Amino acid sequence: MAEAAPLFLKAKGCHGLSLHRIVEDPTSYRLVVKWETVEDQMVHFRNSADFQKWRRLAADYFREAPRVTHSRAVLTRSPV
């Protein structure tokens, strides 16, 4: 992922990413990418050469096809 991160970070509308290891299943990871819009990810990035390069870099690490979901924060808080 360290090699692939710059492919995301230079993409239109990408505001950052993080890779999470699942505590209950340490062989599983969740990639969270902050996109300005769904279109930036689903149209602009997915149709780019950088997306194809990312897939080549990551393909050997998938035990099944990745499931893509989109979410929007409805509540964010930090300790005072």
C-alpha atoms as a PDB file:
ATOM      1  CA  MET A   1       0.000   0.000   0.000  1.00  0.00           C
ATOM      2  CA  ALA A   2       2.910   2.341   0.637  1.00  0.00           C
ATOM      3  CA  GLU A   3       3.793   2.129  -3.051  1.00  0.00           C
ATOM      4  CA  ALA A   4       0.177   2.573  -4.153  1.00  0.00           C
ATOM      5  CA  ALA A   5      -0.760   5.469  -1.833  1.00  0.00           C
ATOM      6  CA  PRO A   6       0.659   8.181  -4.131  1.00  0.00           C
ATOM      7  CA  LEU A   7      -1.620   6.930  -6.932  1.00  0.00           C
ATOM      8  CA  PHE A   8      -4.637   7.815  -4.799  1.00  0.00           C
ATOM      9  CA  LEU A   9      -3.215  10.995  -3.324  1.00  0.00           C
ATOM     10  CA  LYS A  10      -2.604  12.630  -6.707  1.00  0.00           C
ATOM     11  CA  ALA A  11      -6.086  11.725  -7.987  1.00  0.00           C
ATOM     12  CA  LYS A  12      -8.729  14.386  -8.513  1.00  0.00           C
ATOM     13  CA  GLY A  13     -10.764  14.842  -5.349  1.00  0.00           C
ATOM     14  CA  CYS A  14      -8.695  12.605  -3.062  1.00  0.00           C
ATOM     15  CA  HIS A  15      -8.305  14.151   0.397  1.00  0.00           C
ATOM     16  CA  GLY A  16      -6.329  11.356   2.060  1.00  0.00           C
ATOM     17  CA  LEU A  17      -6.441   7.696   2.945  1.00  0.00           C
ATOM     18  CA  SER A  18      -5.799   5.254   5.741  1.00  0.00           C
ATOM     19  CA  LEU A  19      -5.323   1.495   5.827  1.00  0.00           C
ATOM     20  CA  HIS A  20      -6.843  -0.305   8.810  1.00  0.00           C
ATOM     21  CA  ARG A  21      -6.071  -3.838   9.972  1.00  0.00           C
ATOM     22  CA  ILE A  22      -9.169  -5.568  11.329  1.00  0.00           C
ATOM     23  CA  VAL A  23      -8.513  -6.462  14.978  1.00  0.00           C
ATOM     24  CA  GLU A  24     -10.843  -9.474  15.007  1.00  0.00           C
ATOM     25  CA  ASP A  25      -9.354 -10.801  11.766  1.00  0.00           C
ATOM     26  CA  PRO A  26      -5.717  -9.669  11.402  1.00  0.00           C
ATOM     27  CA  THR A  27      -5.564 -11.079   7.866  1.00  0.00           C
ATOM     28  CA  SER A  28      -8.183  -8.535   6.746  1.00  0.00           C
ATOM     29  CA  TYR A  29      -7.692  -4.850   6.027  1.00  0.00           C
ATOM     30  CA  ARG A  30      -9.968  -1.919   5.234  1.00  0.00           C
ATOM     31  CA  LEU A  31      -8.794   0.860   2.950  1.00  0.00           C
ATOM     32  CA  VAL A  32     -10.549   4.156   3.683  1.00  0.00           C
ATOM     33  CA  VAL A  33     -10.089   6.852   1.068  1.00  0.00           C
ATOM     34  CA  LYS A  34     -11.539  10.329   1.541  1.00  0.00           C
ATOM     35  CA  TRP A  35     -12.991  11.521  -1.760  1.00  0.00           C
ATOM     36  CA  GLU A  36     -14.532  14.910  -2.413  1.00  0.00           C
ATOM     37  CA  THR A  37     -17.306  13.258  -4.437  1.00  0.00           C
ATOM     38  CA  VAL A  38     -18.357   9.729  -5.352  1.00  0.00           C
ATOM     39  CA  GLU A  39     -17.805  10.721  -8.998  1.00  0.00           C
ATOM     40  CA  ASP A  40     -14.155  11.525  -8.262  1.00  0.00           C
ATOM     41  CA  GLN A  41     -13.671   7.916  -7.184  1.00  0.00           C
ATOM     42  CA  MET A  42     -16.091   6.011  -9.405  1.00  0.00           C
ATOM     43  CA  VAL A  43     -15.525   7.939 -12.646  1.00  0.00           C
ATOM     44  CA  HIS A  44     -12.286   9.895 -12.576  1.00  0.00           C
ATOM     45  CA  PHE A  45     -10.059   7.536 -10.573  1.00  0.00           C
ATOM     46  CA  ARG A  46     -11.564   4.257 -11.768  1.00  0.00           C
ATOM     47  CA  ASN A  47     -11.081   5.259 -15.399  1.00  0.00           C
ATOM     48  CA  SER A  48      -7.464   6.296 -14.914  1.00  0.00           C
ATOM     49  CA  ALA A  49      -4.197   4.537 -15.648  1.00  0.00           C
ATOM     50  CA  ASP A  50      -3.327   5.005 -11.956  1.00  0.00           C
ATOM     51  CA  PHE A  51      -6.320   2.857 -10.960  1.00  0.00           C
ATOM     52  CA  GLN A  52      -5.106   0.085 -13.250  1.00  0.00           C
ATOM     53  CA  LYS A  53      -1.632   0.369 -11.720  1.00  0.00           C
ATOM     54  CA  TRP A  54      -3.111   0.178  -8.200  1.00  0.00           C
ATOM     55  CA  ARG A  55      -5.057  -2.951  -9.132  1.00  0.00           C
ATOM     56  CA  ARG A  56      -1.884  -4.598 -10.430  1.00  0.00           C
ATOM     57  CA  LEU A  57      -0.048  -3.714  -7.219  1.00  0.00           C
ATOM     58  CA  ALA A  58      -2.853  -4.921  -4.934  1.00  0.00           C
ATOM     59  CA  ALA A  59      -4.363  -7.867  -6.830  1.00  0.00           C
ATOM     60  CA  ASP A  60      -2.216 -10.542  -5.185  1.00  0.00           C
ATOM     61  CA  TYR A  61      -3.408  -9.426  -1.731  1.00  0.00           C
ATOM     62  CA  PHE A  62      -7.145  -9.872  -2.379  1.00  0.00           C
ATOM     63  CA  ARG A  63      -8.614 -13.154  -1.213  1.00  0.00           C
ATOM     64  CA  GLU A  64     -11.889 -12.063  -2.854  1.00  0.00           C
ATOM     65  CA  ALA A  65     -13.066  -9.128  -4.939  1.00  0.00           C
ATOM     66  CA  PRO A  66     -13.073  -5.946  -2.860  1.00  0.00           C
ATOM     67  CA  ARG A  67     -16.431  -4.559  -1.822  1.00  0.00           C
ATOM     68  CA  VAL A  68     -16.664  -0.817  -2.373  1.00  0.00           C
ATOM     69  CA  THR A  69     -19.022   1.251  -0.240  1.00  0.00           C
ATOM     70  CA  HIS A  70     -19.445   4.995   0.168  1.00  0.00           C
ATOM     71  CA  SER A  71     -20.271   6.730   3.423  1.00  0.00           C
ATOM     72  CA  ARG A  72     -20.767  10.236   4.727  1.00  0.00           C
ATOM     73  CA  ALA A  73     -20.062  11.287   8.304  1.00  0.00           C
ATOM     74  CA  VAL A  74     -23.208  12.177  10.193  1.00  0.00           C
ATOM     75  CA  LEU A  75     -21.505  12.849  13.530  1.00  0.00           C
ATOM     76  CA  THR A  76     -17.900  13.590  14.375  1.00  0.00           C
ATOM     77  CA  ARG A  77     -16.661  14.471  17.855  1.00  0.00           C
ATOM     78  CA  SER A  78     -13.350  14.792  19.584  1.00  0.00           C
ATOM     79  CA  PRO A  79     -12.566  15.015  23.283  1.00  0.00           C
ATOM     80  CA  VAL A  80     -12.508  18.552  24.616  1.00  0.00           C
END
